[in-house]
Amino acid sequence: MNDKLTVFIVDDDWVFLEMLKDYLSELKEFKIVPFQNGEDALNNLHLNPQLVIMDYYLNNHSNTARNGLEIMKDIKATNKNIRTIILSAKNDLEAIYQLNRENINEFIIKDQEAFTKIQQIILHYAHSTNV
């Protein structure tokens, strides 16, 4: 791989965000950029992430904050080539259906295997695109 793969992680749960950032930062081929809300991630798309990992149920304290699906729609509208992973603590079939309609690449339940699944997906993506 020639360059680092830029990965945005967006989650309003600061503890989860920091733990995932630390876990993925051990992989030297990735530049991990964390955000606690989707609006900040949108405002930083100039950093050209190749992958965005986002919580579905963003629960920011701002009245104007939007959920992960709404933010992902804007990200895909900006650059349809950005690979997207939605995380959720709930196995919500309606949410999964909506994500499929919106061409979100992956849906991962936040369980004890979530970090490993995320790592496998981004490693596979990095190697398949030779980033």
Protein backbone atom coordinates (compact mmCIF):
# COMPACT_ATOMS: atom_id res chain seq x y z
CA MET A 1 0.00 0.00 0.00
CA ASN A 2 1.30 3.41 -0.96
CA ASP A 3 -0.80 5.81 1.12
CA LYS A 4 -2.74 5.57 4.32
CA LEU A 5 -6.44 4.88 4.04
CA THR A 6 -8.40 7.73 5.66
CA VAL A 7 -11.19 6.38 7.85
CA PHE A 8 -13.79 8.58 9.54
CA ILE A 9 -15.41 7.19 12.67
CA VAL A 10 -18.58 8.97 13.77
CA ASP A 11 -20.24 8.07 17.05
CA ASP A 12 -21.80 10.19 19.78
CA ASP A 13 -20.76 7.62 22.40
CA TRP A 14 -17.35 9.06 23.30
CA VAL A 15 -16.15 5.88 25.05
CA PHE A 16 -17.03 3.66 22.06
CA LEU A 17 -15.50 6.21 19.67
CA GLU A 18 -12.20 6.34 21.56
CA MET A 19 -12.01 2.57 21.98
CA LEU A 20 -12.61 1.95 18.27
CA LYS A 21 -10.15 4.69 17.30
CA ASP A 22 -7.47 3.17 19.55
CA TYR A 23 -8.18 -0.34 18.23
CA LEU A 24 -7.93 0.71 14.58
CA SER A 25 -4.95 3.03 15.16
CA GLU A 26 -2.79 -0.03 15.80
CA LEU A 27 -3.07 -0.72 12.07
CA LYS A 28 -0.46 1.59 10.62
CA GLU A 29 -1.94 1.69 7.11
CA PHE A 30 -4.92 3.73 8.32
CA LYS A 31 -5.38 7.37 9.27
CA ILE A 32 -8.25 7.35 11.77
CA VAL A 33 -10.25 10.57 12.12
CA PRO A 34 -12.92 10.55 14.89
CA PHE A 35 -16.02 12.75 15.15
CA GLN A 36 -18.78 12.87 17.75
CA ASN A 37 -21.42 14.08 15.29
CA GLY A 38 -22.22 13.71 11.63
CA GLU A 39 -22.18 17.40 10.86
CA ASP A 40 -18.49 17.63 11.79
CA ALA A 41 -17.75 14.66 9.53
CA LEU A 42 -19.59 16.36 6.65
CA ASN A 43 -17.64 19.57 7.24
CA ASN A 44 -14.38 17.61 6.95
CA LEU A 45 -15.03 15.68 3.75
CA HIS A 46 -12.20 17.73 2.22
CA LEU A 47 -9.92 15.25 4.05
CA ASN A 48 -11.09 12.71 1.43
CA PRO A 49 -12.04 9.69 3.52
CA GLN A 50 -12.21 6.44 1.63
CA LEU A 51 -14.30 4.87 4.38
CA VAL A 52 -16.83 6.21 6.88
CA ILE A 53 -17.95 4.21 9.92
CA MET A 54 -20.99 5.80 11.55
CA ASP A 55 -23.46 5.11 14.30
CA TYR A 56 -27.05 4.87 13.01
CA TYR A 57 -28.62 6.40 16.10
CA LEU A 58 -26.59 9.56 16.58
CA ASN A 59 -28.06 11.24 19.63
CA ASN A 60 -26.30 14.56 19.69
CA HIS A 61 -27.59 17.19 22.08
CA SER A 62 -28.08 19.66 19.25
CA ASN A 63 -31.63 20.14 17.95
CA THR A 64 -30.33 20.26 14.40
CA ALA A 65 -28.30 17.03 14.59
CA ARG A 66 -29.34 14.30 12.16
CA ASN A 67 -29.14 10.52 12.37
CA GLY A 68 -26.45 8.41 10.74
CA LEU A 69 -28.55 7.48 7.71
CA GLU A 70 -29.28 11.12 6.89
CA ILE A 71 -25.59 12.00 7.18
CA MET A 72 -24.59 8.99 5.06
CA LYS A 73 -27.01 10.11 2.32
CA ASP A 74 -25.20 13.46 2.19
CA ILE A 75 -21.81 11.77 2.16
CA LYS A 76 -22.86 9.48 -0.71
CA ALA A 77 -24.29 12.49 -2.59
CA THR A 78 -20.91 14.19 -2.26
CA ASN A 79 -18.89 11.13 -3.25
CA LYS A 80 -20.63 7.85 -4.11
CA ASN A 81 -17.28 6.01 -3.98
CA ILE A 82 -16.82 6.45 -0.23
CA ARG A 83 -17.35 3.06 1.39
CA THR A 84 -19.82 3.23 4.27
CA ILE A 85 -20.38 1.16 7.38
CA ILE A 86 -23.31 1.81 9.71
CA LEU A 87 -23.13 0.66 13.32
CA SER A 88 -26.08 0.10 15.62
CA ALA A 89 -26.69 -1.28 19.07
CA LYS A 90 -30.06 -2.51 17.81
CA ASN A 91 -30.80 -5.14 15.20
CA ASP A 92 -33.51 -3.04 13.57
CA LEU A 93 -34.92 -4.69 10.43
CA GLU A 94 -36.51 -1.44 9.20
CA ALA A 95 -33.16 0.33 9.53
CA ILE A 96 -31.42 -2.48 7.63
CA TYR A 97 -34.03 -2.20 4.87
CA GLN A 98 -33.48 1.57 4.64
CA LEU A 99 -29.72 1.14 4.55
CA ASN A 100 -29.96 -1.35 1.69
CA ARG A 101 -32.11 1.11 -0.27
CA GLU A 102 -29.54 3.84 0.27
CA ASN A 103 -26.61 1.69 -0.91
CA ILE A 104 -24.84 1.62 2.46
CA ASN A 105 -22.09 -0.98 2.14
CA GLU A 106 -22.18 -2.66 5.56
CA PHE A 107 -24.31 -2.85 8.70
CA ILE A 108 -22.68 -4.03 11.93
CA ILE A 109 -24.32 -4.61 15.28
CA LYS A 110 -22.35 -3.16 18.20
CA ASP A 111 -21.63 -6.40 20.00
CA GLN A 112 -18.52 -8.11 21.36
CA GLU A 113 -17.38 -8.91 17.81
CA ALA A 114 -17.98 -5.48 16.26
CA PHE A 115 -14.35 -4.26 16.39
CA THR A 116 -13.08 -7.45 14.78
CA LYS A 117 -15.73 -7.26 12.03
CA ILE A 118 -14.88 -3.62 11.33
CA GLN A 119 -11.18 -4.40 11.19
CA GLN A 120 -11.76 -7.28 8.76
CA ILE A 121 -13.91 -5.14 6.49
CA ILE A 122 -11.49 -2.23 6.30
CA LEU A 123 -8.46 -4.49 5.84
CA HIS A 124 -10.26 -6.28 3.00
CA TYR A 125 -11.23 -2.95 1.45
CA ALA A 126 -7.70 -1.55 1.78
CA HIS A 127 -6.12 -4.60 0.16
CA SER A 128 -8.73 -4.90 -2.59
CA THR A 129 -8.28 -1.26 -3.61
CA ASN A 130 -4.52 -1.35 -3.07
CA VAL A 131 -4.67 1.94 -1.16
